[in-house]
Amino acid sequence: DVLELTDLTYKADAEVNSLSRGMQQRLSVARVLLHDPKVLL
């Protein structure tokens, strides 16, 4: 679900350190959405 929300589904099998800066930032957002927090900092 978080991969779909952040539009990273097509990068599911890519290495993290191979991602562009923009994709890494979206992955960072995906990470913090896993537990469905109320507040994003």
Full PDB file with SEQRES, HELIX, SHEET, SSBOND, CRYST1, ORIGX, SCALE, CONECT and MASTER records, all heavy atoms in Angstrom:
SEQRES   1 A   41  ASP VAL LEU GLU LEU THR ASP LEU THR TYR LYS ALA ASP          
SEQRES   2 A   41  ALA GLU VAL ASN SER LEU SER ARG GLY MET GLN GLN ARG          
SEQRES   3 A   41  LEU SER VAL ALA ARG VAL LEU LEU HIS ASP PRO LYS VAL          
SEQRES   4 A   41  LEU LEU                                                      
HELIX    1 AA1 VAL A    2  LEU A    5  1                                   4    
HELIX    2 AA2 THR A    9  LYS A   11  5                                   3    
HELIX    3 AA3 VAL A   16  SER A   18  5                                   3    
HELIX    4 AA4 ARG A   21  LEU A   33  1                                  13    
CRYST1    1.000    1.000    1.000  90.00  90.00  90.00 P 1           1          
ORIGX1      1.000000  0.000000  0.000000        0.00000                         
ORIGX2      0.000000  1.000000  0.000000        0.00000                         
ORIGX3      0.000000  0.000000  1.000000        0.00000                         
SCALE1      1.000000  0.000000  0.000000        0.00000                         
SCALE2      0.000000  1.000000  0.000000        0.00000                         
SCALE3      0.000000  0.000000  1.000000        0.00000                         
ATOM      1  N   ASP A   1       0.820  -1.217   0.000  1.00  0.00           N  
ATOM      2  CA  ASP A   1       0.000   0.000   0.000  1.00  0.00           C  
ATOM      3  C   ASP A   1       0.850   1.262   0.000  1.00  0.00           C  
ATOM      4  O   ASP A   1       0.554   2.219  -0.734  1.00  0.00           O  
ATOM      5  CB  ASP A   1      -0.936   0.005   1.212  1.00  0.00           C  
ATOM      6  CG  ASP A   1      -2.062  -1.017   1.091  1.00  0.00           C  
ATOM      7  OD1 ASP A   1      -2.278  -1.527  -0.024  1.00  0.00           O  
ATOM      8  OD2 ASP A   1      -2.710  -1.306   2.117  1.00  0.00           O  
ATOM      9  N   VAL A   2       1.927   1.297   0.813  1.00  0.00           N  
ATOM     10  CA  VAL A   2       2.737   2.518   0.871  1.00  0.00           C  
ATOM     11  C   VAL A   2       3.558   2.684  -0.406  1.00  0.00           C  
ATOM     12  O   VAL A   2       3.829   3.809  -0.835  1.00  0.00           O  
ATOM     13  CB  VAL A   2       3.637   2.555   2.126  1.00  0.00           C  
ATOM     14  CG1 VAL A   2       2.798   2.566   3.393  1.00  0.00           C  
ATOM     15  CG2 VAL A   2       4.660   1.440   2.139  1.00  0.00           C  
ATOM     16  N   LEU A   3       3.949   1.579  -1.027  1.00  0.00           N  
ATOM     17  CA  LEU A   3       4.645   1.675  -2.312  1.00  0.00           C  
ATOM     18  C   LEU A   3       3.722   2.276  -3.369  1.00  0.00           C  
ATOM     19  O   LEU A   3       4.132   3.113  -4.171  1.00  0.00           O  
ATOM     20  CB  LEU A   3       5.124   0.296  -2.765  1.00  0.00           C  
ATOM     21  CG  LEU A   3       6.366  -0.275  -2.078  1.00  0.00           C  
ATOM     22  CD1 LEU A   3       6.599  -1.712  -2.520  1.00  0.00           C  
ATOM     23  CD2 LEU A   3       7.589   0.582  -2.384  1.00  0.00           C  
ATOM     24  N   GLU A   4       2.451   1.871  -3.337  1.00  0.00           N  
ATOM     25  CA  GLU A   4       1.490   2.402  -4.301  1.00  0.00           C  
ATOM     26  C   GLU A   4       1.217   3.882  -4.028  1.00  0.00           C  
ATOM     27  O   GLU A   4       1.162   4.687  -4.956  1.00  0.00           O  
ATOM     28  CB  GLU A   4       0.189   1.602  -4.225  1.00  0.00           C  
ATOM     29  CG  GLU A   4      -0.848   2.035  -5.248  1.00  0.00           C  
ATOM     30  CD  GLU A   4      -2.097   1.163  -5.205  1.00  0.00           C  
ATOM     31  OE1 GLU A   4      -2.060   0.099  -4.547  1.00  0.00           O  
ATOM     32  OE2 GLU A   4      -3.102   1.543  -5.825  1.00  0.00           O  
ATOM     33  N   LEU A   5       1.065   4.234  -2.761  1.00  0.00           N  
ATOM     34  CA  LEU A   5       0.783   5.621  -2.404  1.00  0.00           C  
ATOM     35  C   LEU A   5       1.911   6.550  -2.824  1.00  0.00           C  
ATOM     36  O   LEU A   5       1.675   7.670  -3.290  1.00  0.00           O  
ATOM     37  CB  LEU A   5       0.547   5.732  -0.890  1.00  0.00           C  
ATOM     38  CG  LEU A   5       0.292   7.132  -0.334  1.00  0.00           C  
ATOM     39  CD1 LEU A   5      -0.971   7.740  -0.937  1.00  0.00           C  
ATOM     40  CD2 LEU A   5       0.185   7.095   1.187  1.00  0.00           C  
ATOM     41  N   THR A   6       3.145   6.098  -2.674  1.00  0.00           N  
ATOM     42  CA  THR A   6       4.307   6.935  -3.003  1.00  0.00           C  
ATOM     43  C   THR A   6       4.807   6.711  -4.431  1.00  0.00           C  
ATOM     44  O   THR A   6       5.857   7.231  -4.812  1.00  0.00           O  
ATOM     45  CB  THR A   6       5.456   6.665  -2.014  1.00  0.00           C  
ATOM     46  OG1 THR A   6       5.752   5.266  -1.999  1.00  0.00           O  
ATOM     47  CG2 THR A   6       5.073   7.124  -0.611  1.00  0.00           C  
ATOM     48  N   ASP A   7       4.052   5.934  -5.217  1.00  0.00           N  
ATOM     49  CA  ASP A   7       4.364   5.686  -6.627  1.00  0.00           C  
ATOM     50  C   ASP A   7       5.751   5.056  -6.788  1.00  0.00           C  
ATOM     51  O   ASP A   7       6.546   5.466  -7.639  1.00  0.00           O  
ATOM     52  CB  ASP A   7       4.267   6.989  -7.434  1.00  0.00           C  
ATOM     53  CG  ASP A   7       4.202   6.733  -8.936  1.00  0.00           C  
ATOM     54  OD1 ASP A   7       3.790   5.622  -9.320  1.00  0.00           O  
ATOM     55  OD2 ASP A   7       4.584   7.625  -9.715  1.00  0.00           O  
ATOM     56  N   LEU A   8       6.036   4.051  -5.959  1.00  0.00           N  
ATOM     57  CA  LEU A   8       7.327   3.359  -6.028  1.00  0.00           C  
ATOM     58  C   LEU A   8       7.170   1.865  -6.303  1.00  0.00           C  
ATOM     59  O   LEU A   8       8.139   1.117  -6.178  1.00  0.00           O  
ATOM     60  CB  LEU A   8       8.095   3.560  -4.710  1.00  0.00           C  
ATOM     61  CG  LEU A   8       8.715   4.938  -4.477  1.00  0.00           C  
ATOM     62  CD1 LEU A   8       9.270   5.028  -3.062  1.00  0.00           C  
ATOM     63  CD2 LEU A   8       9.813   5.220  -5.489  1.00  0.00           C  
ATOM     64  N   THR A   9       5.973   1.443  -6.671  1.00  0.00           N  
ATOM     65  CA  THR A   9       5.741   0.018  -6.888  1.00  0.00           C  
ATOM     66  C   THR A   9       6.703  -0.558  -7.922  1.00  0.00           C  
ATOM     67  O   THR A   9       7.229  -1.674  -7.756  1.00  0.00           O  
ATOM     68  CB  THR A   9       4.290  -0.211  -7.333  1.00  0.00           C  
ATOM     69  OG1 THR A   9       3.399   0.302  -6.331  1.00  0.00           O  
ATOM     70  CG2 THR A   9       4.011  -1.693  -7.535  1.00  0.00           C  
ATOM     71  N   TYR A  10       6.971   0.207  -8.972  1.00  0.00           N  
ATOM     72  CA  TYR A  10       7.843  -0.307 -10.030  1.00  0.00           C  
ATOM     73  C   TYR A  10       9.307  -0.370  -9.611  1.00  0.00           C  
ATOM     74  O   TYR A  10      10.150  -0.925 -10.327  1.00  0.00           O  
ATOM     75  CB  TYR A  10       7.701   0.552 -11.296  1.00  0.00           C  
ATOM     76  CG  TYR A  10       8.297   1.936 -11.203  1.00  0.00           C  
ATOM     77  CD1 TYR A  10       9.476   2.241 -11.880  1.00  0.00           C  
ATOM     78  CD2 TYR A  10       7.688   2.935 -10.457  1.00  0.00           C  
ATOM     79  CE1 TYR A  10      10.030   3.503 -11.805  1.00  0.00           C  
ATOM     80  CE2 TYR A  10       8.227   4.204 -10.383  1.00  0.00           C  
ATOM     81  CZ  TYR A  10       9.401   4.483 -11.058  1.00  0.00           C  
ATOM     82  OH  TYR A  10       9.941   5.745 -10.976  1.00  0.00           O  
ATOM     83  N   LYS A  11       9.626   0.180  -8.424  1.00  0.00           N  
ATOM     84  CA  LYS A  11      10.993   0.121  -7.900  1.00  0.00           C  
ATOM     85  C   LYS A  11      11.097  -0.836  -6.709  1.00  0.00           C  
ATOM     86  O   LYS A  11      12.087  -0.803  -5.980  1.00  0.00           O  
ATOM     87  CB  LYS A  11      11.445   1.520  -7.462  1.00  0.00           C  
ATOM     88  CG  LYS A  11      11.713   2.471  -8.627  1.00  0.00           C  
ATOM     89  CD  LYS A  11      12.965   2.062  -9.384  1.00  0.00           C  
ATOM     90  CE  LYS A  11      13.326   3.059 -10.467  1.00  0.00           C  
ATOM     91  NZ  LYS A  11      14.552   2.658 -11.207  1.00  0.00           N  
ATOM     92  N   ALA A  12      10.108  -1.706  -6.552  1.00  0.00           N  
ATOM     93  CA  ALA A  12      10.066  -2.578  -5.372  1.00  0.00           C  
ATOM     94  C   ALA A  12      11.296  -3.460  -5.249  1.00  0.00           C  
ATOM     95  O   ALA A  12      11.737  -3.777  -4.135  1.00  0.00           O  
ATOM     96  CB  ALA A  12       8.805  -3.439  -5.406  1.00  0.00           C  
ATOM     97  N   ASP A  13      11.880  -3.865  -6.357  1.00  0.00           N  
ATOM     98  CA  ASP A  13      13.036  -4.780  -6.320  1.00  0.00           C  
ATOM     99  C   ASP A  13      14.371  -4.079  -6.589  1.00  0.00           C  
ATOM    100  O   ASP A  13      15.395  -4.739  -6.753  1.00  0.00           O  
ATOM    101  CB  ASP A  13      12.835  -5.898  -7.346  1.00  0.00           C  
ATOM    102  CG  ASP A  13      11.618  -6.762  -7.029  1.00  0.00           C  
ATOM    103  OD1 ASP A  13      11.384  -7.019  -5.833  1.00  0.00           O  
ATOM    104  OD2 ASP A  13      10.896  -7.153  -7.970  1.00  0.00           O  
ATOM    105  N   ALA A  14      14.350  -2.762  -6.632  1.00  0.00           N  
ATOM    106  CA  ALA A  14      15.583  -2.006  -6.862  1.00  0.00           C  
ATOM    107  C   ALA A  14      16.349  -1.825  -5.555  1.00  0.00           C  
ATOM    108  O   ALA A  14      15.757  -1.772  -4.469  1.00  0.00           O  
ATOM    109  CB  ALA A  14      15.260  -0.651  -7.470  1.00  0.00           C  
ATOM    110  N   GLU A  15      17.673  -1.739  -5.647  1.00  0.00           N  
ATOM    111  CA  GLU A  15      18.470  -1.471  -4.450  1.00  0.00           C  
ATOM    112  C   GLU A  15      18.250  -0.030  -4.002  1.00  0.00           C  
ATOM    113  O   GLU A  15      18.165   0.886  -4.819  1.00  0.00           O  
ATOM    114  CB  GLU A  15      19.951  -1.705  -4.727  1.00  0.00           C  
ATOM    115  CG  GLU A  15      20.312  -3.169  -4.894  1.00  0.00           C  
ATOM    116  CD  GLU A  15      21.823  -3.387  -4.891  1.00  0.00           C  
ATOM    117  OE1 GLU A  15      22.574  -2.402  -4.732  1.00  0.00           O  
ATOM    118  OE2 GLU A  15      22.242  -4.550  -5.042  1.00  0.00           O  
ATOM    119  N   VAL A  16      18.171   0.155  -2.702  1.00  0.00           N  
ATOM    120  CA  VAL A  16      17.890   1.479  -2.147  1.00  0.00           C  
ATOM    121  C   VAL A  16      18.932   2.498  -2.585  1.00  0.00           C  
ATOM    122  O   VAL A  16      18.606   3.617  -2.984  1.00  0.00           O  
ATOM    123  CB  VAL A  16      17.825   1.400  -0.609  1.00  0.00           C  
ATOM    124  CG1 VAL A  16      17.727   2.801  -0.012  1.00  0.00           C  
ATOM    125  CG2 VAL A  16      16.645   0.553  -0.173  1.00  0.00           C  
ATOM    126  N   ASN A  17      20.223   2.106  -2.532  1.00  0.00           N  
ATOM    127  CA  ASN A  17      21.256   3.087  -2.865  1.00  0.00           C  
ATOM    128  C   ASN A  17      21.414   3.297  -4.367  1.00  0.00           C  
ATOM    129  O   ASN A  17      22.269   4.074  -4.794  1.00  0.00           O  
ATOM    130  CB  ASN A  17      22.596   2.709  -2.226  1.00  0.00           C  
ATOM    131  CG  ASN A  17      23.064   1.326  -2.637  1.00  0.00           C  
ATOM    132  OD1 ASN A  17      22.392   0.653  -3.410  1.00  0.00           O  
ATOM    133  ND2 ASN A  17      24.197   0.900  -2.107  1.00  0.00           N  
ATOM    134  N   SER A  18      20.570   2.639  -5.169  1.00  0.00           N  
ATOM    135  CA  SER A  18      20.579   2.909  -6.611  1.00  0.00           C  
ATOM    136  C   SER A  18      19.508   3.922  -7.006  1.00  0.00           C  
ATOM    137  O   SER A  18      19.464   4.367  -8.154  1.00  0.00           O  
ATOM    138  CB  SER A  18      20.353   1.603  -7.390  1.00  0.00           C  
ATOM    139  OG  SER A  18      19.002   1.178  -7.302  1.00  0.00           O  
ATOM    140  N   LEU A  19      18.648   4.274  -6.064  1.00  0.00           N  
ATOM    141  CA  LEU A  19      17.550   5.193  -6.361  1.00  0.00           C  
ATOM    142  C   LEU A  19      18.052   6.626  -6.504  1.00  0.00           C  
ATOM    143  O   LEU A  19      19.054   7.019  -5.890  1.00  0.00           O  
ATOM    144  CB  LEU A  19      16.501   5.145  -5.243  1.00  0.00           C  
ATOM    145  CG  LEU A  19      15.810   3.806  -4.983  1.00  0.00           C  
ATOM    146  CD1 LEU A  19      14.838   3.951  -3.828  1.00  0.00           C  
ATOM    147  CD2 LEU A  19      15.113   3.287  -6.223  1.00  0.00           C  
ATOM    148  N   SER A  20      17.338   7.394  -7.297  1.00  0.00           N  
ATOM    149  CA  SER A  20      17.642   8.819  -7.405  1.00  0.00           C  
ATOM    150  C   SER A  20      17.307   9.510  -6.097  1.00  0.00           C  
ATOM    151  O   SER A  20      16.626   8.945  -5.220  1.00  0.00           O  
ATOM    152  CB  SER A  20      16.824   9.452  -8.532  1.00  0.00           C  
ATOM    153  OG  SER A  20      15.443   9.454  -8.200  1.00  0.00           O  
ATOM    154  N   ARG A  21      17.790  10.747  -5.960  1.00  0.00           N  
ATOM    155  CA  ARG A  21      17.518  11.509  -4.737  1.00  0.00           C  
ATOM    156  C   ARG A  21      16.010  11.664  -4.503  1.00  0.00           C  
ATOM    157  O   ARG A  21      15.520  11.500  -3.390  1.00  0.00           O  
ATOM    158  CB  ARG A  21      18.181  12.890  -4.864  1.00  0.00           C  
ATOM    159  CG  ARG A  21      17.736  13.930  -3.854  1.00  0.00           C  
ATOM    160  CD  ARG A  21      18.433  13.773  -2.545  1.00  0.00           C  
ATOM    161  NE  ARG A  21      18.176  14.924  -1.702  1.00  0.00           N  
ATOM    162  CZ  ARG A  21      17.827  14.852  -0.432  1.00  0.00           C  
ATOM    163  NH1 ARG A  21      17.691  13.686   0.151  1.00  0.00           N  
ATOM    164  NH2 ARG A  21      17.619  15.939   0.286  1.00  0.00           N  
ATOM    165  N   GLY A  22      15.258  11.961  -5.557  1.00  0.00           N  
ATOM    166  CA  GLY A  22      13.824  12.125  -5.414  1.00  0.00           C  
ATOM    167  C   GLY A  22      13.135  10.846  -4.981  1.00  0.00           C  
ATOM    168  O   GLY A  22      12.231  10.860  -4.127  1.00  0.00           O  
ATOM    169  N   MET A  23      13.547   9.714  -5.556  1.00  0.00           N  
ATOM    170  CA  MET A  23      12.950   8.430  -5.184  1.00  0.00           C  
ATOM    171  C   MET A  23      13.316   8.048  -3.751  1.00  0.00           C  
ATOM    172  O   MET A  23      12.508   7.470  -3.023  1.00  0.00           O  
ATOM    173  CB  MET A  23      13.386   7.342  -6.160  1.00  0.00           C  
ATOM    174  CG  MET A  23      12.785   7.478  -7.542  1.00  0.00           C  
ATOM    175  SD  MET A  23      13.341   6.159  -8.641  1.00  0.00           S  
ATOM    176  CE  MET A  23      12.535   6.646 -10.177  1.00  0.00           C  
ATOM    177  N   GLN A  24      14.532   8.364  -3.339  1.00  0.00           N  
ATOM    178  CA  GLN A  24      14.925   8.080  -1.960  1.00  0.00           C  
ATOM    179  C   GLN A  24      14.076   8.885  -0.977  1.00  0.00           C  
ATOM    180  O   GLN A  24      13.700   8.382   0.087  1.00  0.00           O  
ATOM    181  CB  GLN A  24      16.405   8.376  -1.746  1.00  0.00           C  
ATOM    182  CG  GLN A  24      17.337   7.344  -2.359  1.00  0.00           C  
ATOM    183  CD  GLN A  24      18.777   7.522  -1.902  1.00  0.00           C  
ATOM    184  OE1 GLN A  24      19.109   8.461  -1.189  1.00  0.00           O  
ATOM    185  NE2 GLN A  24      19.638   6.609  -2.324  1.00  0.00           N  
ATOM    186  N   GLN A  25      13.754  10.134  -1.331  1.00  0.00           N  
ATOM    187  CA  GLN A  25      12.911  10.938  -0.460  1.00  0.00           C  
ATOM    188  C   GLN A  25      11.504  10.358  -0.387  1.00  0.00           C  
ATOM    189  O   GLN A  25      10.886  10.335   0.677  1.00  0.00           O  
ATOM    190  CB  GLN A  25      12.869  12.388  -0.939  1.00  0.00           C  
ATOM    191  CG  GLN A  25      14.132  13.181  -0.616  1.00  0.00           C  
ATOM    192  CD  GLN A  25      14.382  13.265   0.882  1.00  0.00           C  
ATOM    193  OE1 GLN A  25      15.000  12.382   1.477  1.00  0.00           O  
ATOM    194  NE2 GLN A  25      13.901  14.326   1.500  1.00  0.00           N  
ATOM    195  N   ARG A  26      10.988   9.884  -1.530  1.00  0.00           N  
ATOM    196  CA  ARG A  26       9.657   9.275  -1.498  1.00  0.00           C  
ATOM    197  C   ARG A  26       9.687   7.969  -0.690  1.00  0.00           C  
ATOM    198  O   ARG A  26       8.728   7.643   0.010  1.00  0.00           O  
ATOM    199  CB  ARG A  26       9.171   9.005  -2.922  1.00  0.00           C  
ATOM    200  CG  ARG A  26       8.563  10.248  -3.573  1.00  0.00           C  
ATOM    201  CD  ARG A  26       7.886   9.905  -4.877  1.00  0.00           C  
ATOM    202  NE  ARG A  26       8.847   9.787  -5.966  1.00  0.00           N  
ATOM    203  CZ  ARG A  26       8.665   9.029  -7.030  1.00  0.00           C  
ATOM    204  NH1 ARG A  26       7.589   8.274  -7.137  1.00  0.00           N  
ATOM    205  NH2 ARG A  26       9.571   8.994  -7.992  1.00  0.00           N  
ATOM    206  N   LEU A  27      10.790   7.221  -0.792  1.00  0.00           N  
ATOM    207  CA  LEU A  27      10.928   6.006   0.007  1.00  0.00           C  
ATOM    208  C   LEU A  27      10.984   6.343   1.496  1.00  0.00           C  
ATOM    209  O   LEU A  27      10.426   5.622   2.331  1.00  0.00           O  
ATOM    210  CB  LEU A  27      12.177   5.243  -0.410  1.00  0.00           C  
ATOM    211  CG  LEU A  27      12.464   3.946   0.344  1.00  0.00           C  
ATOM    212  CD1 LEU A  27      11.311   2.955   0.188  1.00  0.00           C  
ATOM    213  CD2 LEU A  27      13.775   3.325  -0.134  1.00  0.00           C  
ATOM    214  N   SER A  28      11.634   7.445   1.823  1.00  0.00           N  
ATOM    215  CA  SER A  28      11.691   7.881   3.214  1.00  0.00           C  
ATOM    216  C   SER A  28      10.289   8.203   3.734  1.00  0.00           C  
ATOM    217  O   SER A  28       9.952   7.899   4.886  1.00  0.00           O  
ATOM    218  CB  SER A  28      12.608   9.102   3.341  1.00  0.00           C  
ATOM    219  OG  SER A  28      12.881   9.394   4.694  1.00  0.00           O  
ATOM    220  N   VAL A  29       9.458   8.814   2.884  1.00  0.00           N  
ATOM    221  CA  VAL A  29       8.068   9.082   3.265  1.00  0.00           C  
ATOM    222  C   VAL A  29       7.309   7.765   3.407  1.00  0.00           C  
ATOM    223  O   VAL A  29       6.528   7.576   4.349  1.00  0.00           O  
ATOM    224  CB  VAL A  29       7.387  10.000   2.225  1.00  0.00           C  
ATOM    225  CG1 VAL A  29       5.902  10.170   2.561  1.00  0.00           C  
ATOM    226  CG2 VAL A  29       8.069  11.354   2.188  1.00  0.00           C  
ATOM    227  N   ALA A  30       7.532   6.830   2.461  1.00  0.00           N  
ATOM    228  CA  ALA A  30       6.868   5.524   2.545  1.00  0.00           C  
ATOM    229  C   ALA A  30       7.195   4.834   3.864  1.00  0.00           C  
ATOM    230  O   ALA A  30       6.330   4.216   4.499  1.00  0.00           O  
ATOM    231  CB  ALA A  30       7.289   4.652   1.361  1.00  0.00           C  
ATOM    232  N   ARG A  31       8.448   4.942   4.271  1.00  0.00           N  
ATOM    233  CA  ARG A  31       8.869   4.303   5.530  1.00  0.00           C  
ATOM    234  C   ARG A  31       8.064   4.810   6.717  1.00  0.00           C  
ATOM    235  O   ARG A  31       7.617   4.023   7.561  1.00  0.00           O  
ATOM    236  CB  ARG A  31      10.366   4.560   5.760  1.00  0.00           C  
ATOM    237  CG  ARG A  31      10.871   4.140   7.130  1.00  0.00           C  
ATOM    238  CD  ARG A  31      12.329   4.475   7.298  1.00  0.00           C  
ATOM    239  NE  ARG A  31      12.624   5.883   7.116  1.00  0.00           N  
ATOM    240  CZ  ARG A  31      12.411   6.821   8.028  1.00  0.00           C  
ATOM    241  NH1 ARG A  31      11.884   6.505   9.212  1.00  0.00           N  
ATOM    242  NH2 ARG A  31      12.716   8.087   7.778  1.00  0.00           N  
ATOM    243  N   VAL A  32       7.877   6.130   6.805  1.00  0.00           N  
ATOM    244  CA  VAL A  32       7.198   6.676   7.985  1.00  0.00           C  
ATOM    245  C   VAL A  32       5.687   6.510   7.913  1.00  0.00           C  
ATOM    246  O   VAL A  32       4.994   6.758   8.906  1.00  0.00           O  
ATOM    247  CB  VAL A  32       7.555   8.166   8.202  1.00  0.00           C  
ATOM    248  CG1 VAL A  32       9.049   8.347   8.361  1.00  0.00           C  
ATOM    249  CG2 VAL A  32       7.021   9.038   7.085  1.00  0.00           C  
ATOM    250  N   LEU A  33       5.169   6.097   6.752  1.00  0.00           N  
ATOM    251  CA  LEU A  33       3.728   5.861   6.644  1.00  0.00           C  
ATOM    252  C   LEU A  33       3.331   4.438   7.014  1.00  0.00           C  
ATOM    253  O   LEU A  33       2.138   4.139   7.122  1.00  0.00           O  
ATOM    254  CB  LEU A  33       3.268   6.165   5.211  1.00  0.00           C  
ATOM    255  CG  LEU A  33       3.345   7.614   4.759  1.00  0.00           C  
ATOM    256  CD1 LEU A  33       2.937   7.739   3.298  1.00  0.00           C  
ATOM    257  CD2 LEU A  33       2.468   8.507   5.633  1.00  0.00           C  
ATOM    258  N   LEU A  34       4.315   3.565   7.221  1.00  0.00           N  
ATOM    259  CA  LEU A  34       4.021   2.154   7.483  1.00  0.00           C  
ATOM    260  C   LEU A  34       3.109   1.972   8.691  1.00  0.00           C  
ATOM    261  O   LEU A  34       2.207   1.130   8.677  1.00  0.00           O  
ATOM    262  CB  LEU A  34       5.327   1.380   7.695  1.00  0.00           C  
ATOM    263  CG  LEU A  34       6.195   1.164   6.449  1.00  0.00           C  
ATOM    264  CD1 LEU A  34       7.591   0.704   6.856  1.00  0.00           C  
ATOM    265  CD2 LEU A  34       5.545   0.146   5.509  1.00  0.00           C  
ATOM    266  N   HIS A  35       3.322   2.756   9.735  1.00  0.00           N  
ATOM    267  CA  HIS A  35       2.526   2.596  10.954  1.00  0.00           C  
ATOM    268  C   HIS A  35       1.383   3.604  11.041  1.00  0.00           C  
ATOM    269  O   HIS A  35       0.774   3.768  12.099  1.00  0.00           O  
ATOM    270  CB  HIS A  35       3.426   2.697  12.193  1.00  0.00           C  
ATOM    271  CG  HIS A  35       4.092   4.036  12.365  1.00  0.00           C  
ATOM    272  ND1 HIS A  35       4.976   4.552  11.446  1.00  0.00           N  
ATOM    273  CD2 HIS A  35       3.985   4.969  13.346  1.00  0.00           C  
ATOM    274  CE1 HIS A  35       5.395   5.739  11.871  1.00  0.00           C  
ATOM    275  NE2 HIS A  35       4.805   6.011  13.013  1.00  0.00           N  
ATOM    276  N   ASP A  36       1.090   4.283   9.909  1.00  0.00           N  
ATOM    277  CA  ASP A  36      -0.047   5.203   9.803  1.00  0.00           C  
ATOM    278  C   ASP A  36      -0.034   6.259  10.907  1.00  0.00           C  
ATOM    279  O   ASP A  36      -0.975   6.370  11.699  1.00  0.00           O  
ATOM    280  CB  ASP A  36      -1.361   4.418   9.846  1.00  0.00           C  
ATOM    281  CG  ASP A  36      -2.557   5.273   9.416  1.00  0.00           C  
ATOM    282  OD1 ASP A  36      -2.351   6.266   8.694  1.00  0.00           O  
ATOM    283  OD2 ASP A  36      -3.691   4.942   9.817  1.00  0.00           O  
ATOM    284  N   PRO A  37       1.030   7.082  10.977  1.00  0.00           N  
ATOM    285  CA  PRO A  37       1.114   8.081  12.041  1.00  0.00           C  
ATOM    286  C   PRO A  37       0.129   9.230  11.826  1.00  0.00           C  
ATOM    287  O   PRO A  37      -0.299   9.502  10.701  1.00  0.00           O  
ATOM    288  CB  PRO A  37       2.560   8.574  11.936  1.00  0.00           C  
ATOM    289  CG  PRO A  37       2.883   8.416  10.485  1.00  0.00           C  
ATOM    290  CD  PRO A  37       2.168   7.167  10.045  1.00  0.00           C  
ATOM    291  N   LYS A  38      -0.219   9.909  12.905  1.00  0.00           N  
ATOM    292  CA  LYS A  38      -1.090  11.081  12.811  1.00  0.00           C  
ATOM    293  C   LYS A  38      -0.327  12.322  12.383  1.00  0.00           C  
ATOM    294  O   LYS A  38      -0.880  13.220  11.747  1.00  0.00           O  
ATOM    295  CB  LYS A  38      -1.748  11.354  14.174  1.00  0.00           C  
ATOM    296  CG  LYS A  38      -2.763  10.333  14.612  1.00  0.00           C  
ATOM    297  CD  LYS A  38      -3.406  10.768  15.929  1.00  0.00           C  
ATOM    298  CE  LYS A  38      -4.500   9.805  16.360  1.00  0.00           C  
ATOM    299  NZ  LYS A  38      -5.138  10.250  17.635  1.00  0.00           N  
ATOM    300  N   VAL A  39       0.973  12.373  12.749  1.00  0.00           N  
ATOM    301  CA  VAL A  39       1.778  13.580  12.548  1.00  0.00           C  
ATOM    302  C   VAL A  39       2.999  13.247  11.701  1.00  0.00           C  
ATOM    303  O   VAL A  39       3.694  12.253  11.963  1.00  0.00           O  
ATOM    304  CB  VAL A  39       2.240  14.174  13.899  1.00  0.00           C  
ATOM    305  CG1 VAL A  39       3.131  15.395  13.691  1.00  0.00           C  
ATOM    306  CG2 VAL A  39       1.028  14.541  14.756  1.00  0.00           C  
ATOM    307  N   LEU A  40       3.274  14.073  10.696  1.00  0.00           N  
ATOM    308  CA  LEU A  40       4.479  13.929   9.883  1.00  0.00           C  
ATOM    309  C   LEU A  40       5.376  15.137  10.122  1.00  0.00           C  
ATOM    310  O   LEU A  40       4.933  16.285   9.988  1.00  0.00           O  
ATOM    311  CB  LEU A  40       4.121  13.830   8.403  1.00  0.00           C  
ATOM    312  CG  LEU A  40       3.306  12.604   7.983  1.00  0.00           C  
ATOM    313  CD1 LEU A  40       2.969  12.674   6.499  1.00  0.00           C  
ATOM    314  CD2 LEU A  40       4.048  11.316   8.303  1.00  0.00           C  
ATOM    315  N   LEU A  41       6.620  14.881  10.481  1.00  0.00           N  
ATOM    316  CA  LEU A  41       7.621  15.915  10.710  1.00  0.00           C  
ATOM    317  C   LEU A  41       8.639  15.807   9.583  1.00  0.00           C  
ATOM    318  O   LEU A  41       9.389  14.834   9.525  1.00  0.00           O  
ATOM    319  CB  LEU A  41       8.290  15.722  12.072  1.00  0.00           C  
ATOM    320  CG  LEU A  41       7.347  15.631  13.276  1.00  0.00           C  
ATOM    321  CD1 LEU A  41       8.104  15.217  14.526  1.00  0.00           C  
ATOM    322  CD2 LEU A  41       6.627  16.956  13.499  1.00  0.00           C  
TER     323      LEU A  41                                                      
MASTER        0    0    0    4    0    0    0    6  322    1    0    4          
END                                                                             
